[in-house]
Amino acid sequence: MNQHEQHPTPGVDDSGEPGGSTGKDPARPRVVLIGPPGAGKSTTGALLAERLGVVVHDTDAAVEAEAGRSISDIFLTAGESGFRALEKAAVAAALRDQRGVVALGGGAVLDPDTQSLLAGHQVIFLDVGIADAADRIGFNRSRPLLAVNPRATWVALMDARRPIYQRLGRLRVDTTGRSAEQVCDDILAWLRCPTTTEGRGDD
């Protein structure tokens, strides 16, 4: 994983407190959360946004709002390729227009153009083990890619996506067995002093 660049951190003021602006970076989301289903991106994103005093933007929710139907319905009628096209547009709009916390869907990082757009952003990889992921999301029908043999599918997807998550994430936080409050504490600590690529979740 790439080491952090030592430069002023968007979303952290000159005193090192989250919520400010260095004035040296273009306006952009303060934090972008990536990771597999069940890592806690939506829950962590909402709490992190509250603690930073900003808005959380979930790109899966944005896709559903734009399409006027659920992700499951989009997969059913337009297939995965149709969903990915909508997702790509939603992510690009979020990275361009949002100034708070942005939570991406698990597969959004697969698109090469999206990977390029994420360069330079405060991207945080939320990692998780399969047992915790299953407990959190239940591998239910609202997640089309996990509809058949969900545990084996989740493992296969994670094996394929992990290298991308690791390459894009400037910080990795393991959320396994940890509360959203603990995960947010790690993220806020890193925003104040971005000198490591690992959160304390491995302790």
C-alpha atoms as a PDB file:
ATOM      1  CA  MET A   1       0.000   0.000   0.000  1.00  0.00           C
ATOM      2  CA  ASN A   2       1.251   3.463  -0.833  1.00  0.00           C
ATOM      3  CA  GLN A   3       2.552   5.538   2.047  1.00  0.00           C
ATOM      4  CA  HIS A   4       0.760   8.764   2.862  1.00  0.00           C
ATOM      5  CA  GLU A   5       2.021  11.911   1.252  1.00  0.00           C
ATOM      6  CA  GLN A   6       3.002  14.529   3.773  1.00  0.00           C
ATOM      7  CA  HIS A   7       0.861  17.470   2.773  1.00  0.00           C
ATOM      8  CA  PRO A   8      -2.058  19.409   4.276  1.00  0.00           C
ATOM      9  CA  THR A   9      -5.055  17.153   4.681  1.00  0.00           C
ATOM     10  CA  PRO A  10      -8.414  18.224   3.198  1.00  0.00           C
ATOM     11  CA  GLY A  11     -11.019  18.493   5.942  1.00  0.00           C
ATOM     12  CA  VAL A  12      -8.468  19.186   8.684  1.00  0.00           C
ATOM     13  CA  ASP A  13      -7.651  22.742   9.716  1.00  0.00           C
ATOM     14  CA  ASP A  14      -4.203  24.171  10.445  1.00  0.00           C
ATOM     15  CA  SER A  15      -4.496  23.209  14.102  1.00  0.00           C
ATOM     16  CA  GLY A  16      -4.980  19.579  13.104  1.00  0.00           C
ATOM     17  CA  GLU A  17      -8.655  19.430  14.042  1.00  0.00           C
ATOM     18  CA  PRO A  18     -11.100  17.729  11.664  1.00  0.00           C
ATOM     19  CA  GLY A  19     -13.741  19.940  10.119  1.00  0.00           C
ATOM     20  CA  GLY A  20     -11.607  22.813   8.946  1.00  0.00           C
ATOM     21  CA  SER A  21     -10.033  23.604   5.599  1.00  0.00           C
ATOM     22  CA  THR A  22      -6.393  24.108   4.808  1.00  0.00           C
ATOM     23  CA  GLY A  23      -7.244  26.498   2.015  1.00  0.00           C
ATOM     24  CA  LYS A  24      -4.585  24.812  -0.146  1.00  0.00           C
ATOM     25  CA  ASP A  25      -6.701  22.084  -1.728  1.00  0.00           C
ATOM     26  CA  PRO A  26      -9.656  22.325  -4.116  1.00  0.00           C
ATOM     27  CA  ALA A  27     -13.081  21.703  -2.646  1.00  0.00           C
ATOM     28  CA  ARG A  28     -13.700  17.972  -2.483  1.00  0.00           C
ATOM     29  CA  PRO A  29     -15.233  15.345  -0.205  1.00  0.00           C
ATOM     30  CA  ARG A  30     -13.497  15.243   3.162  1.00  0.00           C
ATOM     31  CA  VAL A  31     -13.515  11.449   3.249  1.00  0.00           C
ATOM     32  CA  VAL A  32     -14.391   8.712   0.737  1.00  0.00           C
ATOM     33  CA  LEU A  33     -15.187   5.291   2.208  1.00  0.00           C
ATOM     34  CA  ILE A  34     -14.607   2.115   0.195  1.00  0.00           C
ATOM     35  CA  GLY A  35     -14.812  -1.558   1.113  1.00  0.00           C
ATOM     36  CA  PRO A  36     -16.887  -4.719   0.751  1.00  0.00           C
ATOM     37  CA  PRO A  37     -20.544  -5.191   1.677  1.00  0.00           C
ATOM     38  CA  GLY A  38     -20.847  -5.455   5.441  1.00  0.00           C
ATOM     39  CA  ALA A  39     -17.768  -3.381   6.240  1.00  0.00           C
ATOM     40  CA  GLY A  40     -19.974  -0.682   7.747  1.00  0.00           C
ATOM     41  CA  LYS A  41     -19.548   2.070   5.166  1.00  0.00           C
ATOM     42  CA  SER A  42     -23.076   3.444   5.537  1.00  0.00           C
ATOM     43  CA  THR A  43     -23.159   3.280   9.346  1.00  0.00           C
ATOM     44  CA  THR A  44     -19.631   4.610   9.764  1.00  0.00           C
ATOM     45  CA  GLY A  45     -20.214   7.257   7.119  1.00  0.00           C
ATOM     46  CA  ALA A  46     -23.295   8.604   8.878  1.00  0.00           C
ATOM     47  CA  LEU A  47     -21.560   8.797  12.263  1.00  0.00           C
ATOM     48  CA  LEU A  48     -18.368  10.244  10.808  1.00  0.00           C
ATOM     49  CA  ALA A  49     -20.331  12.934   8.989  1.00  0.00           C
ATOM     50  CA  GLU A  50     -22.138  13.802  12.225  1.00  0.00           C
ATOM     51  CA  ARG A  51     -18.861  14.130  14.106  1.00  0.00           C
ATOM     52  CA  LEU A  52     -17.305  16.235  11.344  1.00  0.00           C
ATOM     53  CA  GLY A  53     -20.410  18.406  11.025  1.00  0.00           C
ATOM     54  CA  VAL A  54     -20.917  17.573   7.353  1.00  0.00           C
ATOM     55  CA  VAL A  55     -23.351  15.626   5.167  1.00  0.00           C
ATOM     56  CA  VAL A  56     -23.005  11.945   4.251  1.00  0.00           C
ATOM     57  CA  HIS A  57     -23.666  10.905   0.653  1.00  0.00           C
ATOM     58  CA  ASP A  58     -24.234   7.220  -0.185  1.00  0.00           C
ATOM     59  CA  THR A  59     -23.773   6.517  -3.899  1.00  0.00           C
ATOM     60  CA  ASP A  60     -25.961   3.384  -3.806  1.00  0.00           C
ATOM     61  CA  ALA A  61     -28.800   5.520  -2.442  1.00  0.00           C
ATOM     62  CA  ALA A  62     -28.062   8.126  -5.119  1.00  0.00           C
ATOM     63  CA  VAL A  63     -28.359   5.483  -7.845  1.00  0.00           C
ATOM     64  CA  GLU A  64     -31.712   4.322  -6.479  1.00  0.00           C
ATOM     65  CA  ALA A  65     -32.978   7.899  -6.254  1.00  0.00           C
ATOM     66  CA  GLU A  66     -31.885   8.689  -9.805  1.00  0.00           C
ATOM     67  CA  ALA A  67     -33.370   5.484 -11.232  1.00  0.00           C
ATOM     68  CA  GLY A  68     -36.507   5.581  -9.111  1.00  0.00           C
ATOM     69  CA  ARG A  69     -36.148   1.909  -8.221  1.00  0.00           C
ATOM     70  CA  SER A  70     -34.110  -0.402  -6.050  1.00  0.00           C
ATOM     71  CA  ILE A  71     -30.701  -1.776  -6.968  1.00  0.00           C
ATOM     72  CA  SER A  72     -32.251  -5.250  -7.126  1.00  0.00           C
ATOM     73  CA  ASP A  73     -34.768  -4.016  -9.696  1.00  0.00           C
ATOM     74  CA  ILE A  74     -32.013  -2.317 -11.696  1.00  0.00           C
ATOM     75  CA  PHE A  75     -30.048  -5.575 -11.818  1.00  0.00           C
ATOM     76  CA  LEU A  76     -33.201  -7.435 -12.855  1.00  0.00           C
ATOM     77  CA  THR A  77     -34.095  -5.116 -15.733  1.00  0.00           C
ATOM     78  CA  ALA A  78     -30.750  -3.666 -16.844  1.00  0.00           C
ATOM     79  CA  GLY A  79     -28.262  -6.244 -15.609  1.00  0.00           C
ATOM     80  CA  GLU A  80     -25.028  -5.572 -13.777  1.00  0.00           C
ATOM     81  CA  SER A  81     -23.659  -3.522 -16.681  1.00  0.00           C
ATOM     82  CA  GLY A  82     -26.659  -1.205 -16.538  1.00  0.00           C
ATOM     83  CA  PHE A  83     -26.224  -0.760 -12.797  1.00  0.00           C
ATOM     84  CA  ARG A  84     -22.486  -0.127 -13.116  1.00  0.00           C
ATOM     85  CA  ALA A  85     -23.102   2.622 -15.670  1.00  0.00           C
ATOM     86  CA  LEU A  86     -25.482   4.385 -13.278  1.00  0.00           C
ATOM     87  CA  GLU A  87     -23.070   3.818 -10.401  1.00  0.00           C
ATOM     88  CA  LYS A  88     -20.125   5.260 -12.329  1.00  0.00           C
ATOM     89  CA  ALA A  89     -22.086   8.435 -13.050  1.00  0.00           C
ATOM     90  CA  ALA A  90     -23.235   8.706  -9.427  1.00  0.00           C
ATOM     91  CA  VAL A  91     -19.684   8.351  -8.103  1.00  0.00           C
ATOM     92  CA  ALA A  92     -18.311  10.934 -10.534  1.00  0.00           C
ATOM     93  CA  ALA A  93     -21.037  13.387  -9.502  1.00  0.00           C
ATOM     94  CA  ALA A  94     -20.389  12.759  -5.805  1.00  0.00           C
ATOM     95  CA  LEU A  95     -16.641  13.294  -6.103  1.00  0.00           C
ATOM     96  CA  ARG A  96     -17.294  16.490  -8.048  1.00  0.00           C
ATOM     97  CA  ASP A  97     -20.134  17.992  -6.025  1.00  0.00           C
ATOM     98  CA  GLN A  98     -20.081  16.620  -2.471  1.00  0.00           C
ATOM     99  CA  ARG A  99     -18.108  18.259   0.328  1.00  0.00           C
ATOM    100  CA  GLY A 100     -18.806  15.832   3.168  1.00  0.00           C
ATOM    101  CA  VAL A 101     -18.395  12.076   3.597  1.00  0.00           C
ATOM    102  CA  VAL A 102     -18.979   9.901   0.532  1.00  0.00           C
ATOM    103  CA  ALA A 103     -19.651   6.154   0.872  1.00  0.00           C
ATOM    104  CA  LEU A 104     -19.191   4.082  -2.288  1.00  0.00           C
ATOM    105  CA  GLY A 105     -20.811   0.773  -3.141  1.00  0.00           C
ATOM    106  CA  GLY A 106     -18.549  -2.249  -2.816  1.00  0.00           C
ATOM    107  CA  GLY A 107     -17.967  -2.695  -6.547  1.00  0.00           C
ATOM    108  CA  ALA A 108     -17.689   0.953  -7.543  1.00  0.00           C
ATOM    109  CA  VAL A 109     -13.888   0.789  -7.418  1.00  0.00           C
ATOM    110  CA  LEU A 110     -13.778  -1.772 -10.250  1.00  0.00           C
ATOM    111  CA  ASP A 111     -14.173   0.916 -12.903  1.00  0.00           C
ATOM    112  CA  PRO A 112     -10.786   2.244 -14.125  1.00  0.00           C
ATOM    113  CA  ASP A 113     -12.164   5.761 -14.619  1.00  0.00           C
ATOM    114  CA  THR A 114     -13.477   5.765 -11.055  1.00  0.00           C
ATOM    115  CA  GLN A 115     -10.079   4.611  -9.823  1.00  0.00           C
ATOM    116  CA  SER A 116      -8.487   7.581 -11.584  1.00  0.00           C
ATOM    117  CA  LEU A 117     -11.039   9.980 -10.105  1.00  0.00           C
ATOM    118  CA  LEU A 118     -10.281   8.715  -6.600  1.00  0.00           C
ATOM    119  CA  ALA A 119      -6.609   9.652  -6.901  1.00  0.00           C
ATOM    120  CA  GLY A 120      -5.821  12.502  -4.529  1.00  0.00           C
ATOM    121  CA  HIS A 121      -8.924  11.996  -2.391  1.00  0.00           C
ATOM    122  CA  GLN A 122      -8.919  10.970   1.266  1.00  0.00           C
ATOM    123  CA  VAL A 123      -9.895   7.371   0.500  1.00  0.00           C
ATOM    124  CA  ILE A 124     -10.325   5.047   3.480  1.00  0.00           C
ATOM    125  CA  PHE A 125     -10.623   1.278   3.054  1.00  0.00           C
ATOM    126  CA  LEU A 126     -12.949  -0.285   5.618  1.00  0.00           C
ATOM    127  CA  ASP A 127     -12.004  -3.959   5.866  1.00  0.00           C
ATOM    128  CA  VAL A 128     -14.037  -6.719   7.538  1.00  0.00           C
ATOM    129  CA  GLY A 129     -14.122 -10.488   8.013  1.00  0.00           C
ATOM    130  CA  ILE A 130     -16.865 -12.584   6.475  1.00  0.00           C
ATOM    131  CA  ALA A 131     -18.517 -13.508   9.796  1.00  0.00           C
ATOM    132  CA  ASP A 132     -19.043  -9.879  10.768  1.00  0.00           C
ATOM    133  CA  ALA A 133     -20.131  -8.982   7.242  1.00  0.00           C
ATOM    134  CA  ALA A 134     -22.773 -11.716   7.309  1.00  0.00           C
ATOM    135  CA  ASP A 135     -24.020 -10.604  10.727  1.00  0.00           C
ATOM    136  CA  ARG A 136     -24.339  -6.990   9.602  1.00  0.00           C
ATOM    137  CA  ILE A 137     -26.040  -7.379   6.237  1.00  0.00           C
ATOM    138  CA  GLY A 138     -27.483 -10.888   6.409  1.00  0.00           C
ATOM    139  CA  PHE A 139     -26.546 -11.477   2.750  1.00  0.00           C
ATOM    140  CA  ASN A 140     -30.123 -10.642   1.825  1.00  0.00           C
ATOM    141  CA  ARG A 141     -31.858 -10.209  -1.518  1.00  0.00           C
ATOM    142  CA  SER A 142     -31.226  -6.466  -1.595  1.00  0.00           C
ATOM    143  CA  ARG A 143     -27.672  -7.354  -2.676  1.00  0.00           C
ATOM    144  CA  PRO A 144     -28.040  -9.038  -6.076  1.00  0.00           C
ATOM    145  CA  LEU A 145     -24.451 -10.235  -6.413  1.00  0.00           C
ATOM    146  CA  LEU A 146     -24.829 -12.165  -3.152  1.00  0.00           C
ATOM    147  CA  ALA A 147     -28.156 -13.779  -4.016  1.00  0.00           C
ATOM    148  CA  VAL A 148     -26.664 -17.206  -4.829  1.00  0.00           C
ATOM    149  CA  ASN A 149     -24.273 -18.963  -2.424  1.00  0.00           C
ATOM    150  CA  PRO A 150     -23.635 -15.646  -0.663  1.00  0.00           C
ATOM    151  CA  ARG A 151     -20.719 -16.633   1.555  1.00  0.00           C
ATOM    152  CA  ALA A 152     -18.657 -18.176  -1.239  1.00  0.00           C
ATOM    153  CA  THR A 153     -19.556 -15.285  -3.532  1.00  0.00           C
ATOM    154  CA  TRP A 154     -18.559 -12.705  -0.911  1.00  0.00           C
ATOM    155  CA  VAL A 155     -15.173 -14.388  -0.449  1.00  0.00           C
ATOM    156  CA  ALA A 156     -14.585 -14.537  -4.210  1.00  0.00           C
ATOM    157  CA  LEU A 157     -15.554 -10.891  -4.668  1.00  0.00           C
ATOM    158  CA  MET A 158     -13.343  -9.831  -1.782  1.00  0.00           C
ATOM    159  CA  ASP A 159     -10.379 -11.799  -3.121  1.00  0.00           C
ATOM    160  CA  ALA A 160     -10.751 -10.029  -6.468  1.00  0.00           C
ATOM    161  CA  ARG A 161     -11.340  -6.558  -5.043  1.00  0.00           C
ATOM    162  CA  ARG A 162      -8.942  -6.492  -2.094  1.00  0.00           C
ATOM    163  CA  PRO A 163      -5.886  -5.463  -4.166  1.00  0.00           C
ATOM    164  CA  ILE A 164      -7.875  -2.527  -5.543  1.00  0.00           C
ATOM    165  CA  TYR A 165      -9.137  -1.488  -2.113  1.00  0.00           C
ATOM    166  CA  GLN A 166      -5.596  -1.668  -0.747  1.00  0.00           C
ATOM    167  CA  ARG A 167      -4.126   0.319  -3.618  1.00  0.00           C
ATOM    168  CA  LEU A 168      -6.723   3.086  -3.463  1.00  0.00           C
ATOM    169  CA  GLY A 169      -7.037   3.388   0.310  1.00  0.00           C
ATOM    170  CA  ARG A 170      -4.732   5.827   2.047  1.00  0.00           C
ATOM    171  CA  LEU A 171      -5.847   4.278   5.328  1.00  0.00           C
ATOM    172  CA  ARG A 172      -7.095   0.765   6.075  1.00  0.00           C
ATOM    173  CA  VAL A 173      -9.301   0.256   9.130  1.00  0.00           C
ATOM    174  CA  ASP A 174     -10.410  -3.248  10.114  1.00  0.00           C
ATOM    175  CA  THR A 175     -13.993  -2.972  11.372  1.00  0.00           C
ATOM    176  CA  THR A 176     -14.217  -6.619  12.486  1.00  0.00           C
ATOM    177  CA  GLY A 177     -15.620  -6.839  16.009  1.00  0.00           C
ATOM    178  CA  ARG A 178     -15.604  -3.068  16.395  1.00  0.00           C
ATOM    179  CA  SER A 179     -18.291  -0.423  16.759  1.00  0.00           C
ATOM    180  CA  ALA A 180     -18.823   2.466  14.375  1.00  0.00           C
ATOM    181  CA  GLU A 181     -17.690   4.779  17.183  1.00  0.00           C
ATOM    182  CA  GLN A 182     -14.340   2.978  17.445  1.00  0.00           C
ATOM    183  CA  VAL A 183     -13.863   3.029  13.685  1.00  0.00           C
ATOM    184  CA  CYS A 184     -14.654   6.751  13.562  1.00  0.00           C
ATOM    185  CA  ASP A 185     -12.137   7.387  16.334  1.00  0.00           C
ATOM    186  CA  ASP A 186      -9.443   5.768  14.170  1.00  0.00           C
ATOM    187  CA  ILE A 187     -10.423   7.797  11.122  1.00  0.00           C
ATOM    188  CA  LEU A 188     -10.529  11.093  13.011  1.00  0.00           C
ATOM    189  CA  ALA A 189      -7.150  10.370  14.584  1.00  0.00           C
ATOM    190  CA  TRP A 190      -5.697   9.737  11.143  1.00  0.00           C
ATOM    191  CA  LEU A 191      -7.225  12.900   9.704  1.00  0.00           C
ATOM    192  CA  ARG A 192      -5.398  14.851  12.404  1.00  0.00           C
ATOM    193  CA  CYS A 193      -2.093  13.121  11.655  1.00  0.00           C
ATOM    194  CA  PRO A 194      -2.084  11.074   8.424  1.00  0.00           C
ATOM    195  CA  THR A 195       1.222   9.258   8.964  1.00  0.00           C
ATOM    196  CA  THR A 196       0.137   5.604   8.832  1.00  0.00           C
ATOM    197  CA  THR A 197      -1.776   3.376   6.453  1.00  0.00           C
ATOM    198  CA  GLU A 198      -3.246   1.155   9.175  1.00  0.00           C
ATOM    199  CA  GLY A 199      -5.936   1.860  11.760  1.00  0.00           C
ATOM    200  CA  ARG A 200      -5.886   0.228  15.166  1.00  0.00           C
ATOM    201  CA  GLY A 201      -8.354  -2.480  14.171  1.00  0.00           C
ATOM    202  CA  ASP A 202      -5.599  -5.087  14.013  1.00  0.00           C
ATOM    203  CA  ASP A 203      -4.660  -4.662  17.678  1.00  0.00           C
END
